[in-house]
C-alpha atoms as a PDB file:
ATOM      1  CA  UNK A   1      33.254   9.620   5.759  1.00  0.00           C
ATOM      2  CA  UNK A   2      33.486  13.262   4.967  1.00  0.00           C
ATOM      3  CA  UNK A   3      32.036  15.954   7.398  1.00  0.00           C
ATOM      4  CA  UNK A   4      29.377  16.807   4.841  1.00  0.00           C
ATOM      5  CA  UNK A   5      28.235  13.086   4.650  1.00  0.00           C
ATOM      6  CA  UNK A   6      27.970  12.882   8.251  1.00  0.00           C
ATOM      7  CA  UNK A   7      25.917  15.990   8.605  1.00  0.00           C
ATOM      8  CA  UNK A   8      23.545  14.814   5.987  1.00  0.00           C
ATOM      9  CA  UNK A   9      23.194  11.660   7.745  1.00  0.00           C
ATOM     10  CA  UNK A  10      22.514  13.292  11.108  1.00  0.00           C
ATOM     11  CA  UNK A  11      20.005  15.517   9.354  1.00  0.00           C
ATOM     12  CA  UNK A  12      18.300  12.542   7.821  1.00  0.00           C
ATOM     13  CA  UNK A  13      18.037  10.668  11.098  1.00  0.00           C
ATOM     14  CA  UNK A  14      16.436  13.799  12.744  1.00  0.00           C
ATOM     15  CA  UNK A  15      13.915  14.381   9.933  1.00  0.00           C
ATOM     16  CA  UNK A  16      12.929  10.675  10.219  1.00  0.00           C
ATOM     17  CA  UNK A  17      12.478  10.990  13.854  1.00  0.00           C
ATOM     18  CA  UNK A  18      10.429  14.122  13.595  1.00  0.00           C
ATOM     19  CA  UNK A  19       8.272  12.464  10.948  1.00  0.00           C
ATOM     20  CA  UNK A  20       7.713   9.299  13.011  1.00  0.00           C
ATOM     21  CA  UNK A  21       6.843  11.409  16.083  1.00  0.00           C
ATOM     22  CA  UNK A  22       4.344  13.537  14.128  1.00  0.00           C
ATOM     23  CA  UNK A  23       2.743  10.551  12.712  1.00  0.00           C
ATOM     24  CA  UNK A  24       2.617   8.915  16.121  1.00  0.00           C
ATOM     25  CA  UNK A  25       1.094  12.129  17.806  1.00  0.00           C
ATOM     26  CA  UNK A  26      -1.526  12.349  15.029  1.00  0.00           C
ATOM     27  CA  UNK A  27      -2.477   8.587  15.538  1.00  0.00           C
ATOM     28  CA  UNK A  28      -2.562   9.321  19.317  1.00  0.00           C
ATOM     29  CA  UNK A  29      -4.965  12.266  18.849  1.00  0.00           C
ATOM     30  CA  UNK A  30      -7.232  10.353  16.468  1.00  0.00           C
ATOM     31  CA  UNK A  31      -7.192   6.760  17.605  1.00  0.00           C
ATOM     32  CA  UNK A  32      -9.506   5.466  14.958  1.00  0.00           C
ATOM     33  CA  UNK A  33      -6.746   5.899  12.465  1.00  0.00           C
ATOM     34  CA  UNK A  34      -4.263   3.301  13.607  1.00  0.00           C
ATOM     35  CA  UNK A  35      -2.090   2.420  16.654  1.00  0.00           C
ATOM     36  CA  UNK A  36       0.526   5.071  17.165  1.00  0.00           C
ATOM     37  CA  UNK A  37       3.557   2.820  17.277  1.00  0.00           C
ATOM     38  CA  UNK A  38       2.442   1.145  14.003  1.00  0.00           C
ATOM     39  CA  UNK A  39       2.082   4.471  12.297  1.00  0.00           C
ATOM     40  CA  UNK A  40       5.369   5.696  13.469  1.00  0.00           C
ATOM     41  CA  UNK A  41       7.037   2.406  12.394  1.00  0.00           C
ATOM     42  CA  UNK A  42       5.349   2.621   8.960  1.00  0.00           C
ATOM     43  CA  UNK A  43       6.773   6.051   8.438  1.00  0.00           C
ATOM     44  CA  UNK A  44      10.346   5.024   9.482  1.00  0.00           C
ATOM     45  CA  UNK A  45      10.132   2.163   7.037  1.00  0.00           C
ATOM     46  CA  UNK A  46       8.777   4.378   4.256  1.00  0.00           C
ATOM     47  CA  UNK A  47      11.638   6.956   4.750  1.00  0.00           C
ATOM     48  CA  UNK A  48      14.316   4.096   4.831  1.00  0.00           C
ATOM     49  CA  UNK A  49      12.756   2.617   1.723  1.00  0.00           C
ATOM     50  CA  UNK A  50      13.062   5.885  -0.143  1.00  0.00           C
ATOM     51  CA  UNK A  51      16.600   6.575   1.039  1.00  0.00           C
ATOM     52  CA  UNK A  52      17.454   3.018  -0.049  1.00  0.00           C
ATOM     53  CA  UNK A  53      16.018   3.664  -3.469  1.00  0.00           C
ATOM     54  CA  UNK A  54      17.986   7.008  -3.932  1.00  0.00           C
ATOM     55  CA  UNK A  55      21.054   5.328  -2.549  1.00  0.00           C
ATOM     56  CA  UNK A  56      20.935   2.553  -5.164  1.00  0.00           C
ATOM     57  CA  UNK A  57      20.797   4.958  -8.232  1.00  0.00           C
END
Protein backbone atom coordinates (compact mmCIF):
# COMPACT_ATOMS: atom_id res chain seq x y z
CA UNK A 1 0.00 0.00 0.00
CA UNK A 2 1.15 3.50 -0.67
CA UNK A 3 1.68 5.94 2.14
CA UNK A 4 -1.32 7.97 0.97
CA UNK A 5 -3.61 4.95 1.22
CA UNK A 6 -2.29 4.19 4.71
CA UNK A 7 -2.86 7.79 5.78
CA UNK A 8 -6.43 7.74 4.46
CA UNK A 9 -7.08 4.42 6.23
CA UNK A 10 -5.73 5.79 9.52
CA UNK A 11 -7.86 8.91 9.15
CA UNK A 12 -10.94 6.80 8.44
CA UNK A 13 -10.34 4.67 11.54
CA UNK A 14 -9.87 7.76 13.70
CA UNK A 15 -13.03 9.43 12.39
CA UNK A 16 -15.01 6.21 12.93
CA UNK A 17 -13.80 5.98 16.53
CA UNK A 18 -14.62 9.66 17.07
CA UNK A 19 -18.15 9.20 15.71
CA UNK A 20 -18.73 6.06 17.77
CA UNK A 21 -17.47 7.81 20.90
CA UNK A 22 -19.68 10.81 20.25
CA UNK A 23 -22.77 8.69 19.75
CA UNK A 24 -21.97 6.64 22.86
CA UNK A 25 -21.53 9.85 24.87
CA UNK A 26 -24.85 11.25 23.66
CA UNK A 27 -26.62 7.99 24.44
CA UNK A 28 -24.96 7.92 27.88
CA UNK A 29 -26.10 11.47 28.66
CA UNK A 30 -29.64 10.73 27.43
CA UNK A 31 -30.35 7.14 28.51
CA UNK A 32 -33.86 7.19 27.09
CA UNK A 33 -32.41 7.13 23.58
CA UNK A 34 -30.69 3.74 23.62
CA UNK A 35 -27.87 1.80 25.24
CA UNK A 36 -24.48 3.47 24.60
CA UNK A 37 -22.68 0.40 23.28
CA UNK A 38 -25.51 -0.43 20.89
CA UNK A 39 -25.53 3.11 19.54
CA UNK A 40 -21.75 3.12 19.10
CA UNK A 41 -21.85 -0.27 17.38
CA UNK A 42 -24.54 0.91 15.00
CA UNK A 43 -22.43 3.96 14.15
CA UNK A 44 -19.41 1.82 13.34
CA UNK A 45 -21.58 -0.53 11.26
CA UNK A 46 -23.01 2.42 9.32
CA UNK A 47 -19.56 3.85 8.57
CA UNK A 48 -18.26 0.43 7.49
CA UNK A 49 -21.29 -0.07 5.22
CA UNK A 50 -20.82 3.33 3.60
CA UNK A 51 -17.12 2.73 3.03
CA UNK A 52 -17.92 -0.71 1.59
CA UNK A 53 -20.38 0.81 -0.84
CA UNK A 54 -17.88 3.46 -1.91
CA UNK A 55 -15.12 0.87 -2.24
CA UNK A 56 -17.26 -1.34 -4.43
CA UNK A 57 -17.74 1.43 -7.01
